[in-house]
Amino acid sequence: MRNKFDQELSNMHDDLISMAAMVETAISRAVEALKYRDASLAKLLQEKDHEIDQKERAIESSCLKLLLQQQPVARDLREISTALKMITDLERIGDLAEDIGEVTLFLCDTPGYHAPKQLSYMAEATIRMVRDSIDSFVAKDLKKAHSVIEYDDVVDKLFNETRSELIGRIHESITEAEQAMDSMMIAKYFERIGDHAVNISEWVEFSITGTHKNIRVI
């Protein structure tokens, strides 16, 4: 019975890593669509988000099956509950990647507009945070999970710089207001992606130590 449980737990783990890879790809494509004003790539994100949603439901079903049909010990319960929390954050990151694609479609109609450099830095930073948060889960690397949480300050700083520049642009030229607001939305989406990466890292910490900022399991 335990061997069967371990195999199902391993399968769920593999599915979670697969979902994470899909989300990383979605973010990268969103960034590429934004960088090159690629409307076809931006539209493709909607299809990919649907695939991520399907994966979330499959993993959720696997987790519930493990909880209801097996007898997990405390360590297993932490890993399963962590997976359930992580897929929620991963699904929301996928949604945000799709949102970036939708805003990019509007920017594609304004070829003369140039987004702030900090926006591309935010993109790189959040991709790094998501990747490292997943790597920390796979490797059970508490140090890397903590580094993701700390790195969120970098993303917040870039967001504030981006916002300041965009506000300045609006004051200087009202004709750029609409495009500047679109860029502001994208910056906010990247900031939220960073927040979800932090959430994932905090749940990784919980899966390893049994401790979470809002929960403590003895």
Foldseek 3Di string as FASTA:
>chain_A
DVVVLVVLLVVLLVLLVVLLVLLLVLLVLLLVCLVVLPLVSLVVLVVSLVVSVVSLVVSLVSLVCSVPVHDDDPLSVLSSVLSNLLSVLSSVSSVLSNVSSVLSNVCSVVVVDDADPLLSVLSVLLSVLSVQLSVCLVVVPLVSLVVLLVSLVVLVVSLVVRVVVLVVVCVVDVVCVVVSVSSNSNSVSSSVSSVSSNVSSQSSCCSNPVDHPVGHDD
